[in-house]
Amino acid sequence: MSDLAVMGAVAMVMAGLTIAIGSIGPALGEGWAVARALGAIAQQPDKANVITRTLFVGLAMVESTAIYCLVVSMILLFVNPFWNHFLGK
């Protein structure tokens, strides 16, 4: 196998691992946050608007971690700086 093929295989595997591992944490965090928010709304229904607004801001912050992992995996696949090194050989 050539160096370029090995580089491509490693980039694909690492991009997959980045998405797989990087999406577990945000998924668990979002599920936990929604469960807590629903519990808070059940206890204090009059504060539902405040809790929901805060929940959506928090979910956006948690989801940004998964989006960063997606960006890193796209960089590994399409804009990897090591491609030029192996193509230049």
PDB file of N, CA and C in Angstrom:
ATOM      1  N   MET A   1       0.847  -1.179   0.000  1.00  0.00           N
ATOM      2  CA  MET A   1       0.000   0.000   0.000  1.00  0.00           C
ATOM      3  C   MET A   1       0.888   1.237   0.000  1.00  0.00           C
ATOM      4  N   SER A   2       0.510   2.217  -0.776  1.00  0.00           N
ATOM      5  CA  SER A   2       1.323   3.426  -0.870  1.00  0.00           C
ATOM      6  C   SER A   2       1.080   4.336   0.341  1.00  0.00           C
ATOM      7  N   ASP A   3       1.974   5.305   0.474  1.00  0.00           N
ATOM      8  CA  ASP A   3       1.842   6.256   1.589  1.00  0.00           C
ATOM      9  C   ASP A   3       0.552   7.062   1.476  1.00  0.00           C
ATOM     10  N   LEU A   4       0.158   7.390   0.261  1.00  0.00           N
ATOM     11  CA  LEU A   4      -1.061   8.166   0.058  1.00  0.00           C
ATOM     12  C   LEU A   4      -2.299   7.360   0.464  1.00  0.00           C
ATOM     13  N   ALA A   5      -2.310   6.082   0.162  1.00  0.00           N
ATOM     14  CA  ALA A   5      -3.448   5.238   0.544  1.00  0.00           C
ATOM     15  C   ALA A   5      -3.527   5.085   2.058  1.00  0.00           C
ATOM     16  N   VAL A   6      -2.377   4.935   2.704  1.00  0.00           N
ATOM     17  CA  VAL A   6      -2.362   4.840   4.167  1.00  0.00           C
ATOM     18  C   VAL A   6      -2.855   6.148   4.781  1.00  0.00           C
ATOM     19  N   MET A   7      -2.416   7.266   4.224  1.00  0.00           N
ATOM     20  CA  MET A   7      -2.852   8.578   4.730  1.00  0.00           C
ATOM     21  C   MET A   7      -4.363   8.743   4.574  1.00  0.00           C
ATOM     22  N   GLY A   8      -4.901   8.320   3.447  1.00  0.00           N
ATOM     23  CA  GLY A   8      -6.346   8.403   3.237  1.00  0.00           C
ATOM     24  C   GLY A   8      -7.116   7.522   4.200  1.00  0.00           C
ATOM     25  N   ALA A   9      -6.616   6.311   4.426  1.00  0.00           N
ATOM     26  CA  ALA A   9      -7.291   5.400   5.350  1.00  0.00           C
ATOM     27  C   ALA A   9      -7.264   5.939   6.774  1.00  0.00           C
ATOM     28  N   VAL A  10      -6.125   6.456   7.183  1.00  0.00           N
ATOM     29  CA  VAL A  10      -6.016   7.016   8.544  1.00  0.00           C
ATOM     30  C   VAL A  10      -6.927   8.227   8.694  1.00  0.00           C
ATOM     31  N   ALA A  11      -6.991   9.076   7.675  1.00  0.00           N
ATOM     32  CA  ALA A  11      -7.854  10.258   7.744  1.00  0.00           C
ATOM     33  C   ALA A  11      -9.322   9.856   7.858  1.00  0.00           C
ATOM     34  N   MET A  12      -9.729   8.835   7.114  1.00  0.00           N
ATOM     35  CA  MET A  12     -11.123   8.394   7.175  1.00  0.00           C
ATOM     36  C   MET A  12     -11.463   7.770   8.528  1.00  0.00           C
ATOM     37  N   VAL A  13     -10.566   6.967   9.057  1.00  0.00           N
ATOM     38  CA  VAL A  13     -10.816   6.340  10.353  1.00  0.00           C
ATOM     39  C   VAL A  13     -10.873   7.400  11.451  1.00  0.00           C
ATOM     40  N   MET A  14      -9.963   8.344  11.419  1.00  0.00           N
ATOM     41  CA  MET A  14      -9.956   9.382  12.457  1.00  0.00           C
ATOM     42  C   MET A  14     -11.169  10.301  12.341  1.00  0.00           C
ATOM     43  N   ALA A  15     -11.618  10.579  11.121  1.00  0.00           N
ATOM     44  CA  ALA A  15     -12.833  11.382  10.959  1.00  0.00           C
ATOM     45  C   ALA A  15     -14.032  10.646  11.537  1.00  0.00           C
ATOM     46  N   GLY A  16     -14.113   9.343  11.306  1.00  0.00           N
ATOM     47  CA  GLY A  16     -15.204   8.560  11.879  1.00  0.00           C
ATOM     48  C   GLY A  16     -15.156   8.515  13.389  1.00  0.00           C
ATOM     49  N   LEU A  17     -13.966   8.346  13.949  1.00  0.00           N
ATOM     50  CA  LEU A  17     -13.836   8.342  15.410  1.00  0.00           C
ATOM     51  C   LEU A  17     -14.158   9.704  16.012  1.00  0.00           C
ATOM     52  N   THR A  18     -13.784  10.761  15.309  1.00  0.00           N
ATOM     53  CA  THR A  18     -14.085  12.107  15.802  1.00  0.00           C
ATOM     54  C   THR A  18     -15.584  12.313  15.915  1.00  0.00           C
ATOM     55  N   ILE A  19     -16.317  11.914  14.893  1.00  0.00           N
ATOM     56  CA  ILE A  19     -17.774  12.062  14.937  1.00  0.00           C
ATOM     57  C   ILE A  19     -18.385  11.123  15.977  1.00  0.00           C
ATOM     58  N   ALA A  20     -17.916   9.883  16.029  1.00  0.00           N
ATOM     59  CA  ALA A  20     -18.506   8.903  16.951  1.00  0.00           C
ATOM     60  C   ALA A  20     -18.312   9.305  18.405  1.00  0.00           C
ATOM     61  N   ILE A  21     -17.088   9.620  18.767  1.00  0.00           N
ATOM     62  CA  ILE A  21     -16.804   9.965  20.160  1.00  0.00           C
ATOM     63  C   ILE A  21     -17.311  11.364  20.485  1.00  0.00           C
ATOM     64  N   GLY A  22     -17.195  12.278  19.527  1.00  0.00           N
ATOM     65  CA  GLY A  22     -17.596  13.655  19.775  1.00  0.00           C
ATOM     66  C   GLY A  22     -19.088  13.875  19.837  1.00  0.00           C
ATOM     67  N   SER A  23     -19.889  12.912  19.407  1.00  0.00           N
ATOM     68  CA  SER A  23     -21.337  13.088  19.479  1.00  0.00           C
ATOM     69  C   SER A  23     -21.951  12.406  20.693  1.00  0.00           C
ATOM     70  N   ILE A  24     -21.205  11.552  21.359  1.00  0.00           N
ATOM     71  CA  ILE A  24     -21.747  10.861  22.537  1.00  0.00           C
ATOM     72  C   ILE A  24     -21.981  11.839  23.689  1.00  0.00           C
ATOM     73  N   GLY A  25     -20.994  12.671  23.970  1.00  0.00           N
ATOM     74  CA  GLY A  25     -21.115  13.625  25.075  1.00  0.00           C
ATOM     75  C   GLY A  25     -22.256  14.615  24.909  1.00  0.00           C
ATOM     76  N   PRO A  26     -22.336  15.290  23.754  1.00  0.00           N
ATOM     77  CA  PRO A  26     -23.464  16.208  23.572  1.00  0.00           C
ATOM     78  C   PRO A  26     -24.826  15.516  23.612  1.00  0.00           C
ATOM     79  N   ALA A  27     -24.920  14.301  23.091  1.00  0.00           N
ATOM     80  CA  ALA A  27     -26.204  13.601  23.116  1.00  0.00           C
ATOM     81  C   ALA A  27     -26.624  13.301  24.556  1.00  0.00           C
ATOM     82  N   LEU A  28     -25.686  12.823  25.361  1.00  0.00           N
ATOM     83  CA  LEU A  28     -26.009  12.559  26.770  1.00  0.00           C
ATOM     84  C   LEU A  28     -26.328  13.857  27.510  1.00  0.00           C
ATOM     85  N   GLY A  29     -25.565  14.908  27.237  1.00  0.00           N
ATOM     86  CA  GLY A  29     -25.811  16.190  27.895  1.00  0.00           C
ATOM     87  C   GLY A  29     -27.152  16.793  27.534  1.00  0.00           C
ATOM     88  N   GLU A  30     -27.518  16.700  26.264  1.00  0.00           N
ATOM     89  CA  GLU A  30     -28.810  17.240  25.848  1.00  0.00           C
ATOM     90  C   GLU A  30     -29.963  16.446  26.451  1.00  0.00           C
ATOM     91  N   GLY A  31     -29.829  15.141  26.495  1.00  0.00           N
ATOM     92  CA  GLY A  31     -30.877  14.327  27.105  1.00  0.00           C
ATOM     93  C   GLY A  31     -31.043  14.628  28.580  1.00  0.00           C
ATOM     94  N   TRP A  32     -29.920  14.782  29.261  1.00  0.00           N
ATOM     95  CA  TRP A  32     -29.967  15.113  30.693  1.00  0.00           C
ATOM     96  C   TRP A  32     -30.595  16.490  30.914  1.00  0.00           C
ATOM     97  N   ALA A  33     -30.235  17.475  30.063  1.00  0.00           N
ATOM     98  CA  ALA A  33     -30.768  18.827  30.216  1.00  0.00           C
ATOM     99  C   ALA A  33     -32.273  18.867  29.960  1.00  0.00           C
ATOM    100  N   VAL A  34     -32.726  18.161  28.946  1.00  0.00           N
ATOM    101  CA  VAL A  34     -34.162  18.135  28.652  1.00  0.00           C
ATOM    102  C   VAL A  34     -34.930  17.453  29.778  1.00  0.00           C
ATOM    103  N   ALA A  35     -34.389  16.374  30.311  1.00  0.00           N
ATOM    104  CA  ALA A  35     -35.062  15.691  31.416  1.00  0.00           C
ATOM    105  C   ALA A  35     -35.169  16.599  32.634  1.00  0.00           C
ATOM    106  N   ARG A  36     -34.088  17.316  32.932  1.00  0.00           N
ATOM    107  CA  ARG A  36     -34.131  18.240  34.082  1.00  0.00           C
ATOM    108  C   ARG A  36     -35.095  19.390  33.838  1.00  0.00           C
ATOM    109  N   ALA A  37     -35.124  19.901  32.608  1.00  0.00           N
ATOM    110  CA  ALA A  37     -36.033  21.012  32.299  1.00  0.00           C
ATOM    111  C   ALA A  37     -37.485  20.571  32.397  1.00  0.00           C
ATOM    112  N   LEU A  38     -37.779  19.375  31.897  1.00  0.00           N
ATOM    113  CA  LEU A  38     -39.157  18.888  32.016  1.00  0.00           C
ATOM    114  C   LEU A  38     -39.553  18.675  33.473  1.00  0.00           C
ATOM    115  N   GLY A  39     -38.612  18.207  34.281  1.00  0.00           N
ATOM    116  CA  GLY A  39     -38.890  18.069  35.714  1.00  0.00           C
ATOM    117  C   GLY A  39     -39.127  19.409  36.377  1.00  0.00           C
ATOM    118  N   ALA A  40     -38.355  20.420  35.975  1.00  0.00           N
ATOM    119  CA  ALA A  40     -38.531  21.760  36.542  1.00  0.00           C
ATOM    120  C   ALA A  40     -39.856  22.376  36.106  1.00  0.00           C
ATOM    121  N   ILE A  41     -40.232  22.145  34.844  1.00  0.00           N
ATOM    122  CA  ILE A  41     -41.515  22.671  34.362  1.00  0.00           C
ATOM    123  C   ILE A  41     -42.673  21.971  35.067  1.00  0.00           C
ATOM    124  N   ALA A  42     -42.521  20.680  35.344  1.00  0.00           N
ATOM    125  CA  ALA A  42     -43.583  19.955  36.052  1.00  0.00           C
ATOM    126  C   ALA A  42     -43.759  20.478  37.467  1.00  0.00           C
ATOM    127  N   GLN A  43     -42.667  20.920  38.098  1.00  0.00           N
ATOM    128  CA  GLN A  43     -42.756  21.432  39.462  1.00  0.00           C
ATOM    129  C   GLN A  43     -43.212  22.884  39.505  1.00  0.00           C
ATOM    130  N   GLN A  44     -42.809  23.666  38.494  1.00  0.00           N
ATOM    131  CA  GLN A  44     -43.167  25.096  38.470  1.00  0.00           C
ATOM    132  C   GLN A  44     -43.708  25.468  37.086  1.00  0.00           C
ATOM    133  N   PRO A  45     -44.956  25.149  36.805  1.00  0.00           N
ATOM    134  CA  PRO A  45     -45.505  25.416  35.472  1.00  0.00           C
ATOM    135  C   PRO A  45     -45.566  26.900  35.114  1.00  0.00           C
ATOM    136  N   ASP A  46     -45.656  27.775  36.116  1.00  0.00           N
ATOM    137  CA  ASP A  46     -45.718  29.205  35.826  1.00  0.00           C
ATOM    138  C   ASP A  46     -44.384  29.759  35.322  1.00  0.00           C
ATOM    139  N   LYS A  47     -43.289  29.083  35.536  1.00  0.00           N
ATOM    140  CA  LYS A  47     -41.967  29.510  35.067  1.00  0.00           C
ATOM    141  C   LYS A  47     -41.556  28.790  33.776  1.00  0.00           C
ATOM    142  N   ALA A  48     -42.503  28.198  33.077  1.00  0.00           N
ATOM    143  CA  ALA A  48     -42.197  27.396  31.892  1.00  0.00           C
ATOM    144  C   ALA A  48     -41.502  28.223  30.803  1.00  0.00           C
ATOM    145  N   ASN A  49     -41.904  29.470  30.615  1.00  0.00           N
ATOM    146  CA  ASN A  49     -41.286  30.299  29.570  1.00  0.00           C
ATOM    147  C   ASN A  49     -39.811  30.552  29.862  1.00  0.00           C
ATOM    148  N   VAL A  50     -39.497  30.874  31.108  1.00  0.00           N
ATOM    149  CA  VAL A  50     -38.111  31.148  31.485  1.00  0.00           C
ATOM    150  C   VAL A  50     -37.265  29.874  31.371  1.00  0.00           C
ATOM    151  N   ILE A  51     -37.805  28.777  31.841  1.00  0.00           N
ATOM    152  CA  ILE A  51     -37.065  27.508  31.793  1.00  0.00           C
ATOM    153  C   ILE A  51     -36.831  27.082  30.354  1.00  0.00           C
ATOM    154  N   THR A  52     -37.850  27.218  29.505  1.00  0.00           N
ATOM    155  CA  THR A  52     -37.711  26.820  28.101  1.00  0.00           C
ATOM    156  C   THR A  52     -36.693  27.677  27.379  1.00  0.00           C
ATOM    157  N   ARG A  53     -36.725  28.966  27.609  1.00  0.00           N
ATOM    158  CA  ARG A  53     -35.766  29.870  26.959  1.00  0.00           C
ATOM    159  C   ARG A  53     -34.338  29.535  27.399  1.00  0.00           C
ATOM    160  N   THR A  54     -34.139  29.320  28.667  1.00  0.00           N
ATOM    161  CA  THR A  54     -32.816  28.954  29.169  1.00  0.00           C
ATOM    162  C   THR A  54     -32.387  27.587  28.637  1.00  0.00           C
ATOM    163  N   LEU A  55     -33.334  26.667  28.517  1.00  0.00           N
ATOM    164  CA  LEU A  55     -33.038  25.348  27.983  1.00  0.00           C
ATOM    165  C   LEU A  55     -32.538  25.441  26.548  1.00  0.00           C
ATOM    166  N   PHE A  56     -33.192  26.224  25.719  1.00  0.00           N
ATOM    167  CA  PHE A  56     -32.785  26.329  24.320  1.00  0.00           C
ATOM    168  C   PHE A  56     -31.412  26.963  24.174  1.00  0.00           C
ATOM    169  N   VAL A  57     -31.105  27.942  24.992  1.00  0.00           N
ATOM    170  CA  VAL A  57     -29.759  28.536  24.950  1.00  0.00           C
ATOM    171  C   VAL A  57     -28.719  27.501  25.386  1.00  0.00           C
ATOM    172  N   GLY A  58     -29.015  26.763  26.426  1.00  0.00           N
ATOM    173  CA  GLY A  58     -28.097  25.726  26.890  1.00  0.00           C
ATOM    174  C   GLY A  58     -27.918  24.616  25.872  1.00  0.00           C
ATOM    175  N   LEU A  59     -28.996  24.199  25.219  1.00  0.00           N
ATOM    176  CA  LEU A  59     -28.891  23.163  24.194  1.00  0.00           C
ATOM    177  C   LEU A  59     -28.057  23.631  23.010  1.00  0.00           C
ATOM    178  N   ALA A  60     -28.178  24.893  22.655  1.00  0.00           N
ATOM    179  CA  ALA A  60     -27.356  25.419  21.563  1.00  0.00           C
ATOM    180  C   ALA A  60     -25.878  25.390  21.942  1.00  0.00           C
ATOM    181  N   MET A  61     -25.569  25.695  23.185  1.00  0.00           N
ATOM    182  CA  MET A  61     -24.179  25.653  23.623  1.00  0.00           C
ATOM    183  C   MET A  61     -23.644  24.218  23.633  1.00  0.00           C
ATOM    184  N   VAL A  62     -24.452  23.271  24.076  1.00  0.00           N
ATOM    185  CA  VAL A  62     -24.024  21.880  24.113  1.00  0.00           C
ATOM    186  C   VAL A  62     -23.867  21.335  22.699  1.00  0.00           C
ATOM    187  N   GLU A  63     -24.772  21.707  21.808  1.00  0.00           N
ATOM    188  CA  GLU A  63     -24.723  21.210  20.435  1.00  0.00           C
ATOM    189  C   GLU A  63     -23.516  21.741  19.676  1.00  0.00           C
ATOM    190  N   SER A  64     -22.976  22.878  20.109  1.00  0.00           N
ATOM    191  CA  SER A  64     -21.815  23.432  19.417  1.00  0.00           C
ATOM    192  C   SER A  64     -20.614  22.483  19.498  1.00  0.00           C
ATOM    193  N   THR A  65     -20.513  21.680  20.544  1.00  0.00           N
ATOM    194  CA  THR A  65     -19.423  20.709  20.647  1.00  0.00           C
ATOM    195  C   THR A  65     -19.516  19.675  19.528  1.00  0.00           C
ATOM    196  N   ALA A  66     -20.700  19.180  19.251  1.00  0.00           N
ATOM    197  CA  ALA A  66     -20.877  18.215  18.170  1.00  0.00           C
ATOM    198  C   ALA A  66     -20.607  18.860  16.815  1.00  0.00           C
ATOM    199  N   ILE A  67     -20.969  20.119  16.663  1.00  0.00           N
ATOM    200  CA  ILE A  67     -20.701  20.820  15.408  1.00  0.00           C
ATOM    201  C   ILE A  67     -19.203  21.009  15.217  1.00  0.00           C
ATOM    202  N   TYR A  68     -18.472  21.305  16.281  1.00  0.00           N
ATOM    203  CA  TYR A  68     -17.012  21.416  16.177  1.00  0.00           C
ATOM    204  C   TYR A  68     -16.399  20.087  15.764  1.00  0.00           C
ATOM    205  N   CYS A  69     -16.917  18.982  16.283  1.00  0.00           N
ATOM    206  CA  CYS A  69     -16.411  17.662  15.876  1.00  0.00           C
ATOM    207  C   CYS A  69     -16.697  17.404  14.405  1.00  0.00           C
ATOM    208  N   LEU A  70     -17.849  17.838  13.925  1.00  0.00           N
ATOM    209  CA  LEU A  70     -18.162  17.696  12.508  1.00  0.00           C
ATOM    210  C   LEU A  70     -17.196  18.500  11.651  1.00  0.00           C
ATOM    211  N   VAL A  71     -16.885  19.714  12.082  1.00  0.00           N
ATOM    212  CA  VAL A  71     -15.945  20.564  11.339  1.00  0.00           C
ATOM    213  C   VAL A  71     -14.557  19.929  11.309  1.00  0.00           C
ATOM    214  N   VAL A  72     -14.110  19.398  12.426  1.00  0.00           N
ATOM    215  CA  VAL A  72     -12.791  18.752  12.472  1.00  0.00           C
ATOM    216  C   VAL A  72     -12.757  17.546  11.545  1.00  0.00           C
ATOM    217  N   SER A  73     -13.825  16.766  11.518  1.00  0.00           N
ATOM    218  CA  SER A  73     -13.830  15.594  10.637  1.00  0.00           C
ATOM    219  C   SER A  73     -13.862  16.004   9.174  1.00  0.00           C
ATOM    220  N   MET A  74     -14.556  17.078   8.838  1.00  0.00           N
ATOM    221  CA  MET A  74     -14.552  17.566   7.458  1.00  0.00           C
ATOM    222  C   MET A  74     -13.171  18.080   7.059  1.00  0.00           C
ATOM    223  N   ILE A  75     -12.486  18.720   8.000  1.00  0.00           N
ATOM    224  CA  ILE A  75     -11.120  19.170   7.721  1.00  0.00           C
ATOM    225  C   ILE A  75     -10.214  17.978   7.493  1.00  0.00           C
ATOM    226  N   LEU A  76     -10.362  16.932   8.302  1.00  0.00           N
ATOM    227  CA  LEU A  76      -9.541  15.737   8.126  1.00  0.00           C
ATOM    228  C   LEU A  76      -9.769  15.089   6.767  1.00  0.00           C
ATOM    229  N   LEU A  77     -10.998  15.133   6.284  1.00  0.00           N
ATOM    230  CA  LEU A  77     -11.302  14.473   5.021  1.00  0.00           C
ATOM    231  C   LEU A  77     -10.974  15.317   3.793  1.00  0.00           C
ATOM    232  N   PHE A  78     -11.264  16.609   3.830  1.00  0.00           N
ATOM    233  CA  PHE A  78     -11.209  17.392   2.603  1.00  0.00           C
ATOM    234  C   PHE A  78     -10.116  18.453   2.558  1.00  0.00           C
ATOM    235  N   VAL A  79      -9.669  18.969   3.682  1.00  0.00           N
ATOM    236  CA  VAL A  79      -8.693  20.056   3.688  1.00  0.00           C
ATOM    237  C   VAL A  79      -7.466  19.674   4.501  1.00  0.00           C
ATOM    238  N   ASN A  80      -7.179  18.403   4.560  1.00  0.00           N
ATOM    239  CA  ASN A  80      -6.072  17.905   5.370  1.00  0.00           C
ATOM    240  C   ASN A  80      -4.742  18.445   4.832  1.00  0.00           C
ATOM    241  N   PRO A  81      -3.965  19.135   5.640  1.00  0.00           N
ATOM    242  CA  PRO A  81      -2.708  19.702   5.155  1.00  0.00           C
ATOM    243  C   PRO A  81      -1.658  18.650   4.826  1.00  0.00           C
ATOM    244  N   PHE A  82      -1.828  17.448   5.313  1.00  0.00           N
ATOM    245  CA  PHE A  82      -0.852  16.397   5.042  1.00  0.00           C
ATOM    246  C   PHE A  82      -0.995  15.802   3.640  1.00  0.00           C
ATOM    247  N   TRP A  83      -2.132  16.044   2.978  1.00  0.00           N
ATOM    248  CA  TRP A  83      -2.290  15.549   1.603  1.00  0.00           C
ATOM    249  C   TRP A  83      -1.207  16.122   0.701  1.00  0.00           C
ATOM    250  N   ASN A  84      -0.948  17.419   0.837  1.00  0.00           N
ATOM    251  CA  ASN A  84       0.057  18.068  -0.016  1.00  0.00           C
ATOM    252  C   ASN A  84       1.443  17.468   0.212  1.00  0.00           C
ATOM    253  N   HIS A  85       1.751  17.107   1.432  1.00  0.00           N
ATOM    254  CA  HIS A  85       3.040  16.511   1.733  1.00  0.00           C
ATOM    255  C   HIS A  85       3.207  15.174   1.014  1.00  0.00           C
ATOM    256  N   PHE A  86       2.154  14.362   1.061  1.00  0.00           N
ATOM    257  CA  PHE A  86       2.261  13.041   0.434  1.00  0.00           C
ATOM    258  C   PHE A  86       2.152  13.117  -1.083  1.00  0.00           C
ATOM    259  N   LEU A  87       1.423  14.097  -1.594  1.00  0.00           N
ATOM    260  CA  LEU A  87       1.330  14.254  -3.048  1.00  0.00           C
ATOM    261  C   LEU A  87       2.616  14.823  -3.640  1.00  0.00           C
ATOM    262  N   GLY A  88       3.349  15.587  -2.814  1.00  0.00           N
ATOM    263  CA  GLY A  88       4.590  16.200  -3.273  1.00  0.00           C
ATOM    264  C   GLY A  88       5.758  15.233  -3.376  1.00  0.00           C
ATOM    265  N   LYS A  89       5.641  14.065  -2.775  1.00  0.00           N
ATOM    266  CA  LYS A  89       6.745  13.092  -2.806  1.00  0.00           C
ATOM    267  C   LYS A  89       6.958  12.527  -4.178  1.00  0.00           C
TER     268      LYS A  89
END
